[in-house]
Protein backbone atom coordinates (compact mmCIF):
# COMPACT_ATOMS: atom_id res chain seq x y z
CA MET A 1 10.75 -22.82 13.62
CA ALA A 2 9.96 -21.86 17.21
CA VAL A 3 9.78 -24.44 19.98
CA CYS A 4 6.15 -25.48 20.33
CA LEU A 5 4.75 -25.08 23.85
CA HIS A 6 1.39 -26.14 25.21
CA HIS A 7 0.52 -22.58 26.23
CA HIS A 8 1.17 -19.00 25.14
CA LEU A 9 3.72 -16.85 26.91
CA ASP A 10 1.65 -13.67 26.66
CA SER A 11 -1.96 -12.47 26.34
CA ILE A 12 -4.12 -14.25 23.75
CA SER A 13 -5.42 -11.87 21.10
CA SER A 14 -7.58 -14.15 18.95
CA PHE A 15 -9.01 -17.67 18.87
CA LYS A 16 -10.64 -19.58 16.00
CA SER A 17 -12.01 -23.09 15.58
CA GLU A 18 -12.53 -25.27 12.51
CA THR A 19 -15.60 -27.35 13.35
CA GLU A 20 -15.46 -30.08 10.70
CA ASN A 21 -12.09 -31.54 11.75
CA TYR A 22 -11.85 -29.96 15.23
CA PHE A 23 -8.70 -27.93 14.59
CA LEU A 24 -8.04 -24.79 16.65
CA LEU A 25 -6.01 -21.64 16.11
CA SER A 26 -4.89 -19.18 18.77
CA SER A 27 -2.76 -16.08 18.40
CA SER A 28 -0.95 -14.15 21.08
CA MET A 29 1.09 -11.08 21.88
CA ASP A 30 4.10 -13.44 22.05
CA LYS A 31 4.23 -13.19 18.23
CA THR A 32 3.24 -16.79 17.56
CA VAL A 33 0.24 -18.68 16.24
CA LEU A 34 -0.50 -22.14 17.61
CA TRP A 35 -2.38 -24.80 15.67
CA HIS A 36 -3.69 -27.72 17.68
CA ILE A 37 -6.47 -30.26 18.08
CA SER A 38 -8.03 -31.57 21.33
CA ARG A 39 -4.79 -32.32 23.17
CA ARG A 40 -2.56 -30.55 25.65
CA GLU A 41 0.35 -30.04 23.24
CA CYS A 42 0.02 -27.85 20.17
CA LEU A 43 0.78 -29.34 16.75
CA ASP A 44 2.83 -26.45 15.36
CA CYS A 45 3.92 -22.85 15.96
CA PHE A 46 3.98 -20.24 13.22
CA GLN A 47 6.37 -17.45 14.11
CA HIS A 48 5.65 -13.79 13.30
CA VAL A 49 7.86 -10.74 13.66
CA ASP A 50 5.26 -8.68 15.55
CA PHE A 51 2.06 -9.10 17.58
CA VAL A 52 -0.54 -11.30 15.88
CA THR A 53 -3.91 -9.56 16.17
CA ALA A 54 -6.20 -11.71 14.00
CA ILE A 55 -6.40 -15.28 12.66
CA THR A 56 -8.98 -17.34 10.79
CA PHE A 57 -9.21 -20.61 8.87
CA HIS A 58 -9.95 -20.63 5.16
CA PRO A 59 -13.68 -21.54 5.01
CA ARG A 60 -13.25 -24.17 2.26
CA ASP A 61 -9.75 -25.52 2.86
CA ASP A 62 -8.48 -26.02 6.42
CA ARG A 63 -4.92 -26.49 5.15
CA TYR A 64 -4.71 -22.69 5.07
CA PHE A 65 -5.23 -19.92 7.57
CA LEU A 66 -5.02 -16.15 7.44
CA SER A 67 -3.15 -14.01 9.95
CA GLY A 68 -2.93 -10.25 10.47
CA SER A 69 -0.15 -8.60 12.42
CA LEU A 70 0.89 -5.20 13.74
CA ASP A 71 3.75 -5.27 11.21
CA GLY A 72 1.12 -4.40 8.58
CA LYS A 73 1.37 -7.71 6.73
CA LEU A 74 -1.44 -10.08 5.85
CA ARG A 75 -0.25 -13.68 5.51
CA LEU A 76 -1.90 -16.77 4.07
CA TRP A 77 -0.22 -19.76 5.71
CA ASN A 78 0.09 -23.27 4.29
CA ILE A 79 -0.23 -25.47 7.38
CA PRO A 80 1.15 -28.80 6.03
CA GLU A 81 4.18 -27.04 4.52
CA LYS A 82 4.57 -24.81 7.61
CA LYS A 83 5.26 -21.69 5.57
CA VAL A 84 3.68 -18.51 4.20
CA ALA A 85 2.03 -19.26 0.86
CA LEU A 86 1.09 -15.65 0.04
CA TRP A 87 1.42 -12.26 1.73
CA ASN A 88 0.65 -8.61 1.14
CA GLU A 89 1.29 -5.36 3.01
CA VAL A 90 -1.17 -2.62 3.93
CA ASP A 91 -0.70 0.72 2.17
CA GLY A 92 -0.95 4.07 3.94
CA SER A 93 0.60 5.84 6.90
CA THR A 94 -1.19 3.59 9.42
CA LYS A 95 -0.46 -0.04 8.60
CA LEU A 96 -1.61 -1.72 11.81
CA ILE A 97 -3.92 -4.69 11.14
CA THR A 98 -6.50 -5.14 13.90
CA ALA A 99 -9.00 -7.65 12.41
CA ALA A 100 -9.15 -10.23 9.63
CA ASN A 101 -11.54 -12.72 8.05
CA PHE A 102 -12.67 -14.29 4.78
CA CYS A 103 -15.88 -13.39 2.97
CA GLN A 104 -17.92 -14.71 0.06
CA ASN A 105 -16.93 -18.27 0.99
CA GLY A 106 -13.21 -17.56 0.74
CA ARG A 107 -13.18 -15.52 -2.46
CA PHE A 108 -11.87 -12.49 -0.57
CA ALA A 109 -9.59 -12.02 2.41
CA VAL A 110 -10.57 -8.93 4.43
CA ILE A 111 -8.53 -7.04 7.00
CA GLY A 112 -9.43 -4.15 9.29
CA THR A 113 -6.97 -1.43 10.23
CA TYR A 114 -6.34 0.87 13.17
CA ASP A 115 -7.44 3.90 11.12
CA GLY A 116 -10.85 2.42 10.20
CA ARG A 117 -10.37 0.79 6.82
CA CYS A 118 -11.67 -2.58 5.63
CA ILE A 119 -9.39 -3.72 2.83
CA PHE A 120 -10.34 -6.57 0.49
CA TYR A 121 -7.86 -8.85 -1.27
CA GLU A 122 -8.53 -11.57 -3.83
CA THR A 123 -7.59 -14.70 -1.91
CA GLU A 124 -6.19 -16.63 -4.88
CA HIS A 125 -3.18 -14.32 -5.24
CA LEU A 126 -3.76 -12.09 -2.20
CA LYS A 127 -3.98 -9.12 -4.57
CA TYR A 128 -5.59 -5.82 -3.52
CA PHE A 129 -9.20 -5.50 -4.71
CA THR A 130 -10.98 -2.62 -2.95
CA GLN A 131 -11.57 -0.99 0.43
CA ILE A 132 -14.26 0.59 2.61
CA HIS A 133 -13.65 3.58 4.89
CA VAL A 134 -15.69 2.71 7.98
CA ARG A 135 -16.82 6.04 9.41
CA SER A 136 -19.78 8.39 9.73
CA THR A 137 -20.41 11.20 7.27
CA ARG A 138 -20.36 13.84 10.00
CA GLY A 139 -19.82 14.34 13.72
CA ARG A 140 -16.98 13.05 15.85
CA ASN A 141 -17.11 9.65 14.13
CA ARG A 142 -16.30 11.04 10.69
CA VAL A 143 -12.67 10.06 11.39
CA GLY A 144 -12.16 6.32 11.06
CA ARG A 145 -11.63 4.37 14.29
CA LYS A 146 -10.03 0.98 14.88
CA ILE A 147 -11.79 -2.00 13.29
CA THR A 148 -12.27 -4.68 15.95
CA GLY A 149 -14.33 -7.31 14.14
CA ILE A 150 -15.25 -8.54 10.64
CA GLU A 151 -17.93 -11.20 10.14
CA PRO A 152 -19.21 -12.42 6.75
CA PHE A 153 -22.90 -12.72 5.88
CA SER A 154 -22.33 -14.95 2.87
CA ALA A 155 -25.99 -15.70 2.16
CA GLU A 156 -26.58 -12.06 1.20
CA SER A 157 -23.05 -11.07 0.10
CA LYS A 158 -22.67 -8.72 3.04
CA VAL A 159 -20.14 -8.16 5.81
CA LEU A 160 -20.61 -7.03 9.44
CA VAL A 161 -17.97 -4.63 10.76
CA THR A 162 -17.41 -3.66 14.43
CA SER A 163 -15.35 -0.57 15.25
CA ASN A 164 -14.19 1.59 18.17
CA ASP A 165 -16.83 4.29 17.57
CA SER A 166 -19.46 2.14 19.35
CA ARG A 167 -21.08 1.27 16.02
CA ILE A 168 -21.68 -1.97 14.15
CA ARG A 169 -22.24 -1.67 10.40
CA LEU A 170 -23.60 -4.06 7.78
CA TYR A 171 -22.16 -3.40 4.31
CA ASP A 172 -23.42 -4.71 0.97
CA LEU A 173 -20.46 -6.09 -0.97
CA ARG A 174 -22.19 -5.72 -4.33
CA ASP A 175 -21.75 -1.93 -4.26
CA LEU A 176 -19.93 -1.37 -0.90
CA SER A 177 -22.94 0.59 0.39
CA LEU A 178 -23.95 0.79 4.05
CA SER A 179 -27.08 -1.30 4.60
CA ILE A 180 -27.68 -0.79 8.33
CA LYS A 181 -25.90 0.82 11.28
CA TYR A 182 -26.52 -0.76 14.71
CA LYS A 183 -26.30 1.47 17.80
CA GLY A 184 -26.56 0.87 21.54
CA CYS A 185 -23.40 -0.91 22.71
CA LEU A 186 -20.32 0.86 24.07
CA ASN A 187 -17.02 0.08 22.34
CA ASN A 188 -14.51 2.94 22.53
CA SER A 189 -11.24 1.09 23.11
CA SER A 190 -11.83 -2.67 23.52
CA GLN A 191 -11.32 -5.44 20.95
CA ILE A 192 -15.04 -6.31 20.91
CA ARG A 193 -16.36 -8.29 17.95
CA ALA A 194 -20.04 -8.56 17.03
CA GLY A 195 -21.41 -11.62 15.26
CA PHE A 196 -24.52 -13.31 13.88
CA SER A 197 -26.76 -15.92 15.42
CA HIS A 198 -26.61 -19.31 13.68
CA ASP A 199 -29.59 -18.36 11.47
CA CYS A 200 -28.35 -14.78 10.89
CA GLN A 201 -31.66 -13.40 12.19
CA TYR A 202 -29.93 -11.61 15.07
CA ILE A 203 -26.71 -9.72 15.77
CA ILE A 204 -25.08 -10.05 19.18
CA SER A 205 -22.23 -8.10 20.75
CA GLY A 206 -20.44 -7.51 24.01
CA SER A 207 -20.05 -4.01 25.39
CA GLU A 208 -17.79 -1.96 27.64
CA ASP A 209 -20.76 -1.35 29.96
CA ARG A 210 -20.75 -5.13 30.69
CA TYR A 211 -24.03 -5.78 28.90
CA ILE A 212 -24.67 -8.19 26.04
CA TYR A 213 -26.60 -6.46 23.25
CA LEU A 214 -28.96 -8.11 20.77
CA TRP A 215 -30.49 -6.62 17.59
CA LYS A 216 -32.69 -8.07 14.90
CA THR A 217 -30.63 -8.08 11.71
CA TYR A 218 -33.57 -6.49 9.87
CA HIS A 219 -36.20 -4.65 11.89
CA ASP A 220 -39.77 -4.31 10.65
CA VAL A 221 -39.92 -0.68 9.50
CA THR A 222 -43.64 -0.96 8.71
CA ARG A 223 -44.40 -0.99 12.46
CA PHE A 224 -42.96 2.49 12.95
CA SER A 225 -43.79 5.74 11.19
CA SER A 226 -40.42 7.47 11.56
CA VAL A 227 -37.82 4.69 11.44
CA ARG A 228 -34.97 4.82 8.94
CA ARG A 229 -34.17 1.59 7.12
CA ASP A 230 -30.42 2.19 7.49
CA ARG A 231 -30.50 2.62 11.30
CA ASN A 232 -31.27 0.07 14.00
CA ASP A 233 -31.45 1.53 17.50
CA PHE A 234 -33.82 -1.16 18.80
CA TRP A 235 -31.84 -3.52 21.01
CA GLU A 236 -32.23 -5.79 24.00
CA GLY A 237 -29.58 -5.85 26.73
CA ILE A 238 -28.56 -8.61 29.14
CA LYS A 239 -26.43 -7.87 32.18
CA GLY A 240 -23.15 -9.68 31.79
CA MET A 241 -20.22 -10.45 34.09
CA GLU A 242 -18.77 -7.99 36.58
CA GLU A 243 -15.45 -8.05 34.74
CA LEU A 244 -15.29 -6.71 31.19
CA LEU A 245 -14.74 -9.50 28.67
CA PRO A 246 -12.14 -8.66 26.00
CA TYR A 247 -14.29 -10.07 23.18
CA GLY A 248 -17.87 -9.86 22.10
CA ILE A 249 -19.87 -13.05 21.70
CA ALA A 250 -19.42 -14.33 18.19
CA GLN A 251 -22.53 -16.49 17.88
CA SER A 252 -25.84 -17.10 19.61
CA ARG A 253 -28.30 -19.93 19.09
CA THR A 254 -31.71 -18.31 19.27
CA LYS A 255 -34.70 -20.59 19.69
């Protein structure tokens, strides 16, 4: 067990909160994950062998959290026992995990890879289930790019995926089909993550051009004569900070 410090020794790569009991998770390039509540000192450190790129609490049981690492391994940690409960390793020539989350209220653990795959595992045994190749059918984006964000849309059994081809895609988990592709933001190399508003009526994302972008999750196609249902190019932009933020905004409360 590593010595538990009150701060990371390297850049923070991910941060997650558990709102019911006010627990927090943070991961860093110093190969550790810290678990702490509202106090200066962390409660525990969970050592990894390589950079930790993604972390998230189990949505129904905060005794567990999921971590993804550049060593290509997905780990489900048991917090009270301070050990890995289950793990699996990414197949393929490119094993780098760049995003992770749960979907369908914890039924599946999902990871994103550097080569543009979203891979689904059954959480109970962390067994491989299926995968989506996140890419366009033609053009320069037909080669998969790094997945930078995965957000569940549990109410409709869908998942929102952000990637380094400046696209955000909403997939239907019932048949793995692409529901809508959102365009407008710039995300070629940053770890930007799009997310839903609290009511899931809007999608919000940061951008490399320092704007905050906002789309309606479902636009009204009846208002336009030549609009495709699977494309959403209608966005609103808000000028952000002068310095580029490393993450997109995960949630927005829209009145």
